[in-house]
Amino acid sequence: MGVLSSLCPLMLLGLASAQIIRDPLVKNVLDFDSTFDATLPAPQKYTYKKWTTDDIEQGLPPDSTWAASYYDKESRHYCRDDFSVYNVTYADCPEPWLIGHCAKAEISREATFDLLGRLPSSARGVISDLLNANIERGLSFRWHNKHSVLMGGYFRPADGLKAALSALWLGGPGVPYEPFLNAVNADTCVADERAAESLKRDGSLGDAVDKGFAVAAYLKLVKGDPPFDASCMSNQLKVLGAILDERWDAPGQCPDKSAPELEKYRYGTES
């Protein structure tokens, strides 16, 4: 059975079966962000250890943004003189998380640590490492390389949650392709307008998965009265909710924690 992930061409390029027409559940799942901010618990306490220059030069996560931050003077992310890497150990797990931070970044080191600290160790564990990179003021980004999260500019507590949700399918375990496609076909709506537009355009499922996880998280974490009605996408939520529950509710201090990959960079003009 196929799995939808960052490596799945059907996810990125669209399905051969052409467009699918579905209504949106909400206009934009980004509207959940303020509620997520208020719902997530206070950040865990933490301790940290700063890497030495020798530690950094022994290896960084393999995404090019890490390398550009330290080595590439021509990169918009270059930050060598203000770049630090930390092992951050939160109170709920004895194993550290790898976090990089550029002092020029819009969000402080402490707020960057707290971004992961507001997640339980089970959910935090899907993220192997986090980089808060330099970027021009007024711009922001968040992207993923498997379990590695790259961010820059302004972000809020909800972005830590969304980073973990994205890592569930971009890094793994992924989303089973046939069951999710069947769920979309059985439902009458998808999460939001962007997901509906992607399906209508070429049948691609990426936004339906990504935005659908936000709905699944909302139903799991936000206890509304009356409860939020997402019954029009109930089949998708059975698939996505099961994946979220397995990760979020996993027992133990730091279950199934993703370890960072480290790679030594060799630039011709390191200085």
Protein backbone atom coordinates (compact mmCIF):
# COMPACT_ATOMS: atom_id res chain seq x y z
CA MET A 1 0.00 0.00 0.00
CA GLY A 2 1.36 3.43 -0.95
CA VAL A 3 2.06 6.11 1.62
CA LEU A 4 1.61 9.85 1.13
CA SER A 5 4.79 11.63 2.16
CA SER A 6 7.22 14.26 0.93
CA LEU A 7 8.62 11.65 -1.45
CA CYS A 8 5.31 10.72 -3.06
CA PRO A 9 5.00 12.07 -6.63
CA LEU A 10 1.24 11.55 -6.61
CA MET A 11 1.07 13.94 -3.68
CA LEU A 12 3.22 16.59 -5.31
CA LEU A 13 2.10 16.38 -8.92
CA GLY A 14 -1.54 15.40 -8.61
CA LEU A 15 -3.44 12.22 -9.28
CA ALA A 16 -3.79 10.75 -12.72
CA SER A 17 -7.55 10.53 -12.13
CA ALA A 18 -7.97 14.34 -12.53
CA GLN A 19 -9.99 16.74 -10.46
CA ILE A 20 -12.17 16.02 -7.43
CA ILE A 21 -14.87 18.51 -6.44
CA ARG A 22 -15.42 18.97 -2.70
CA ASP A 23 -16.73 21.81 -0.55
CA PRO A 24 -14.45 23.41 2.06
CA LEU A 25 -15.26 22.84 5.73
CA VAL A 26 -13.88 26.28 6.68
CA LYS A 27 -12.43 29.17 4.73
CA ASN A 28 -8.88 28.76 6.07
CA VAL A 29 -7.55 26.49 8.82
CA LEU A 30 -5.12 29.30 9.72
CA ASP A 31 -8.11 30.79 11.53
CA PHE A 32 -7.59 28.04 14.14
CA ASP A 33 -4.21 29.51 15.12
CA SER A 34 -5.38 31.88 17.85
CA THR A 35 -7.38 29.07 19.44
CA PHE A 36 -4.39 26.73 19.26
CA ASP A 37 -2.24 29.45 20.87
CA ALA A 38 -4.65 29.67 23.80
CA THR A 39 -5.17 25.91 24.11
CA LEU A 40 -1.59 24.63 24.10
CA PRO A 41 -0.11 24.23 27.59
CA ALA A 42 2.58 26.46 29.06
CA PRO A 43 6.08 25.63 27.82
CA GLN A 44 8.08 22.93 29.56
CA LYS A 45 11.07 24.04 31.58
CA TYR A 46 14.35 23.19 29.93
CA THR A 47 18.11 23.19 30.18
CA TYR A 48 20.45 23.64 27.25
CA LYS A 49 24.03 23.13 26.19
CA LYS A 50 25.56 25.26 23.45
CA TRP A 51 27.62 23.55 20.75
CA THR A 52 31.23 24.55 20.27
CA THR A 53 32.60 25.60 16.89
CA ASP A 54 34.19 22.16 16.62
CA ASP A 55 30.80 20.53 17.28
CA ILE A 56 29.18 22.57 14.50
CA GLU A 57 31.93 21.78 12.01
CA GLN A 58 31.66 18.06 12.76
CA GLY A 59 28.18 18.05 11.23
CA LEU A 60 24.79 19.73 10.91
CA PRO A 61 21.41 18.46 9.70
CA PRO A 62 21.54 17.88 5.93
CA ASP A 63 19.07 20.54 4.78
CA SER A 64 20.88 23.29 2.87
CA THR A 65 19.42 26.01 5.11
CA TRP A 66 21.55 24.78 8.00
CA ALA A 67 24.68 24.84 5.86
CA ALA A 68 23.83 28.24 4.36
CA SER A 69 23.37 29.73 7.82
CA TYR A 70 26.93 28.91 8.80
CA TYR A 71 28.98 28.55 5.62
CA ASP A 72 27.45 30.36 2.64
CA LYS A 73 28.24 34.11 2.65
CA GLU A 74 26.04 34.62 -0.43
CA SER A 75 22.94 33.14 1.20
CA ARG A 76 20.12 35.26 2.57
CA HIS A 77 20.26 32.97 5.62
CA TYR A 78 23.97 33.55 6.33
CA CYS A 79 24.49 34.18 10.03
CA ARG A 80 27.84 32.66 10.98
CA ASP A 81 28.84 35.30 13.54
CA ASP A 82 25.41 35.15 15.21
CA PHE A 83 24.64 31.46 14.71
CA SER A 84 24.33 29.03 17.62
CA VAL A 85 23.32 25.40 17.96
CA TYR A 86 21.96 23.91 21.17
CA ASN A 87 21.04 20.61 22.72
CA VAL A 88 17.82 21.49 24.55
CA THR A 89 16.54 19.06 27.17
CA TYR A 90 12.94 19.58 28.30
CA ALA A 91 11.70 18.55 31.74
CA ASP A 92 9.46 15.80 30.37
CA CYS A 93 12.18 13.88 28.47
CA PRO A 94 15.84 13.14 29.26
CA GLU A 95 16.83 13.15 25.58
CA PRO A 96 17.73 16.54 24.02
CA TRP A 97 16.35 18.24 20.92
CA LEU A 98 18.71 19.85 18.44
CA ILE A 99 17.81 23.52 17.88
CA GLY A 100 19.66 26.10 15.79
CA HIS A 101 19.12 29.83 16.20
CA CYS A 102 20.37 32.94 14.44
CA ALA A 103 20.55 35.91 16.82
CA LYS A 104 19.41 38.14 13.92
CA ALA A 105 16.15 36.18 13.68
CA GLU A 106 12.91 37.95 14.50
CA ILE A 107 11.99 35.46 17.23
CA SER A 108 14.27 35.09 20.24
CA ARG A 109 16.19 32.01 21.28
CA GLU A 110 13.91 31.50 24.29
CA ALA A 111 10.72 31.77 22.22
CA THR A 112 12.22 29.28 19.76
CA PHE A 113 12.88 26.79 22.57
CA ASP A 114 9.33 27.35 23.88
CA LEU A 115 7.86 26.60 20.46
CA LEU A 116 8.69 22.92 20.97
CA GLY A 117 8.27 23.10 24.73
CA ARG A 118 4.52 23.62 24.44
CA LEU A 119 4.13 20.20 22.86
CA PRO A 120 4.08 16.95 24.85
CA SER A 121 7.23 14.91 24.37
CA SER A 122 5.29 12.34 22.35
CA ALA A 123 4.24 14.91 19.73
CA ARG A 124 7.52 16.83 19.95
CA GLY A 125 9.36 13.61 19.17
CA VAL A 126 8.26 13.62 15.52
CA ILE A 127 10.57 16.64 15.08
CA SER A 128 14.25 15.70 15.00
CA ASP A 129 15.64 19.23 14.85
CA LEU A 130 14.50 22.83 14.45
CA LEU A 131 16.28 25.79 12.87
CA ASN A 132 15.17 29.41 13.34
CA ALA A 133 17.06 30.96 10.43
CA ASN A 134 17.81 34.50 9.35
CA ILE A 135 15.43 36.02 6.79
CA GLU A 136 14.62 39.58 5.72
CA ARG A 137 12.23 41.40 8.06
CA GLY A 138 8.63 41.13 6.93
CA LEU A 139 9.14 37.70 5.40
CA SER A 140 8.53 34.34 7.02
CA PHE A 141 8.72 30.69 6.06
CA ARG A 142 8.27 27.19 7.43
CA TRP A 143 9.31 24.11 5.54
CA HIS A 144 10.30 20.55 6.28
CA ASN A 145 12.98 18.11 5.27
CA LYS A 146 11.54 14.84 6.57
CA HIS A 147 11.58 15.30 10.38
CA SER A 148 13.74 18.44 10.23
CA VAL A 149 11.87 21.76 10.60
CA LEU A 150 13.18 25.03 9.11
CA MET A 151 11.58 28.33 10.09
CA GLY A 152 12.27 32.03 9.80
CA GLY A 153 10.55 35.35 10.40
CA TYR A 154 7.55 35.70 12.69
CA PHE A 155 5.88 32.65 14.17
CA ARG A 156 3.51 31.91 17.02
CA PRO A 157 2.86 28.96 19.40
CA ALA A 158 0.47 27.34 16.91
CA ASP A 159 3.35 27.00 14.46
CA GLY A 160 5.05 24.48 16.74
CA LEU A 161 1.94 22.33 16.65
CA LYS A 162 1.61 22.68 12.88
CA ALA A 163 5.27 21.78 12.44
CA ALA A 164 4.66 18.53 14.30
CA LEU A 165 1.51 17.81 12.26
CA SER A 166 3.36 18.35 8.98
CA ALA A 167 6.25 16.17 10.12
CA LEU A 168 3.81 13.30 10.68
CA TRP A 169 3.31 12.92 6.95
CA LEU A 170 6.32 14.68 5.40
CA GLY A 171 8.73 12.78 7.63
CA GLY A 172 6.76 9.76 8.68
CA PRO A 173 4.85 7.64 9.35
CA GLY A 174 3.06 9.20 6.37
CA VAL A 175 -0.57 8.78 5.35
CA PRO A 176 -1.79 5.58 3.62
CA TYR A 177 -2.62 6.57 0.06
CA GLU A 178 -5.57 4.34 -0.88
CA PRO A 179 -7.46 4.71 2.42
CA PHE A 180 -7.10 8.49 2.33
CA LEU A 181 -8.14 8.78 -1.31
CA ASN A 182 -11.14 6.57 -0.59
CA ALA A 183 -11.97 8.76 2.41
CA VAL A 184 -11.90 11.92 0.28
CA ASN A 185 -14.15 10.25 -2.28
CA ALA A 186 -16.59 9.19 0.45
CA ASP A 187 -16.77 12.60 2.15
CA THR A 188 -18.55 15.73 0.96
CA CYS A 189 -15.94 18.27 2.11
CA VAL A 190 -12.24 18.80 2.75
CA ALA A 191 -10.62 21.00 5.39
CA ASP A 192 -10.53 24.43 3.75
CA GLU A 193 -10.66 26.40 0.52
CA ARG A 194 -7.02 25.78 -0.39
CA ALA A 195 -7.48 22.01 -0.04
CA ALA A 196 -10.66 22.18 -2.13
CA GLU A 197 -8.92 24.24 -4.83
CA SER A 198 -6.03 21.76 -5.08
CA LEU A 199 -8.41 18.85 -5.53
CA LYS A 200 -10.45 20.75 -8.11
CA ARG A 201 -7.34 21.81 -10.04
CA ASP A 202 -5.59 18.45 -10.43
CA GLY A 203 -6.72 16.04 -7.73
CA SER A 204 -3.56 16.46 -5.63
CA LEU A 205 -4.00 15.44 -2.01
CA GLY A 206 -1.21 17.35 -0.25
CA ASP A 207 -3.32 20.23 1.02
CA ALA A 208 -6.17 17.91 1.98
CA VAL A 209 -3.76 16.00 4.21
CA ASP A 210 -1.95 19.03 5.65
CA LYS A 211 -5.10 21.02 6.35
CA GLY A 212 -6.96 17.91 7.45
CA PHE A 213 -4.42 17.32 10.20
CA ALA A 214 -5.18 20.82 11.51
CA VAL A 215 -8.87 19.90 11.76
CA ALA A 216 -7.99 16.61 13.47
CA ALA A 217 -5.84 18.51 15.98
CA TYR A 218 -8.59 21.05 16.59
CA LEU A 219 -11.09 18.31 17.39
CA LYS A 220 -8.57 16.60 19.67
CA LEU A 221 -7.38 19.63 21.61
CA VAL A 222 -10.23 22.14 21.61
CA LYS A 223 -13.27 21.25 23.67
CA GLY A 224 -16.01 23.44 22.26
CA ASP A 225 -19.63 23.63 23.39
CA PRO A 226 -21.29 22.68 21.17
CA PRO A 227 -18.54 20.52 19.63
CA PHE A 228 -17.09 21.64 16.31
CA ASP A 229 -18.98 19.90 13.49
CA ALA A 230 -16.64 18.33 10.94
CA SER A 231 -18.91 15.43 10.03
CA CYS A 232 -18.70 16.23 6.31
CA MET A 233 -15.07 15.00 6.35
CA SER A 234 -15.49 12.24 8.92
CA ASN A 235 -13.82 9.55 6.82
CA GLN A 236 -10.68 11.64 6.32
CA LEU A 237 -10.61 12.34 10.05
CA LYS A 238 -10.74 8.64 10.85
CA VAL A 239 -7.53 8.18 8.85
CA LEU A 240 -5.73 11.31 10.05
CA GLY A 241 -7.05 11.18 13.62
CA ALA A 242 -5.75 7.66 14.11
CA ILE A 243 -2.25 8.75 13.04
CA LEU A 244 -2.38 11.82 15.29
CA ASP A 245 -3.69 9.83 18.28
CA GLU A 246 -1.00 7.17 17.92
CA ARG A 247 1.72 9.82 18.12
CA TRP A 248 0.14 12.24 20.61
CA ASP A 249 -1.09 9.62 23.08
CA ALA A 250 1.97 7.36 22.98
CA PRO A 251 3.00 6.40 26.54
CA GLY A 252 6.40 7.04 28.07
CA GLN A 253 8.70 10.02 28.49
CA CYS A 254 9.81 10.47 24.89
CA PRO A 255 8.41 7.62 22.80
CA ASP A 256 9.66 6.99 19.27
CA LYS A 257 11.77 10.17 19.25
CA SER A 258 13.21 11.03 15.84
CA ALA A 259 16.98 11.46 16.01
CA PRO A 260 18.63 14.20 13.93
CA GLU A 261 20.81 13.28 10.99
CA LEU A 262 24.16 15.07 10.93
CA GLU A 263 26.34 15.67 7.89
CA LYS A 264 29.75 17.29 7.63
CA TYR A 265 29.76 20.12 5.11
CA ARG A 266 32.70 20.82 2.82
CA TYR A 267 32.65 24.30 1.32
CA GLY A 268 35.56 25.60 -0.68
CA THR A 269 35.69 28.95 1.13
CA GLU A 270 34.92 28.30 4.77
CA SER A 271 36.01 31.27 6.87
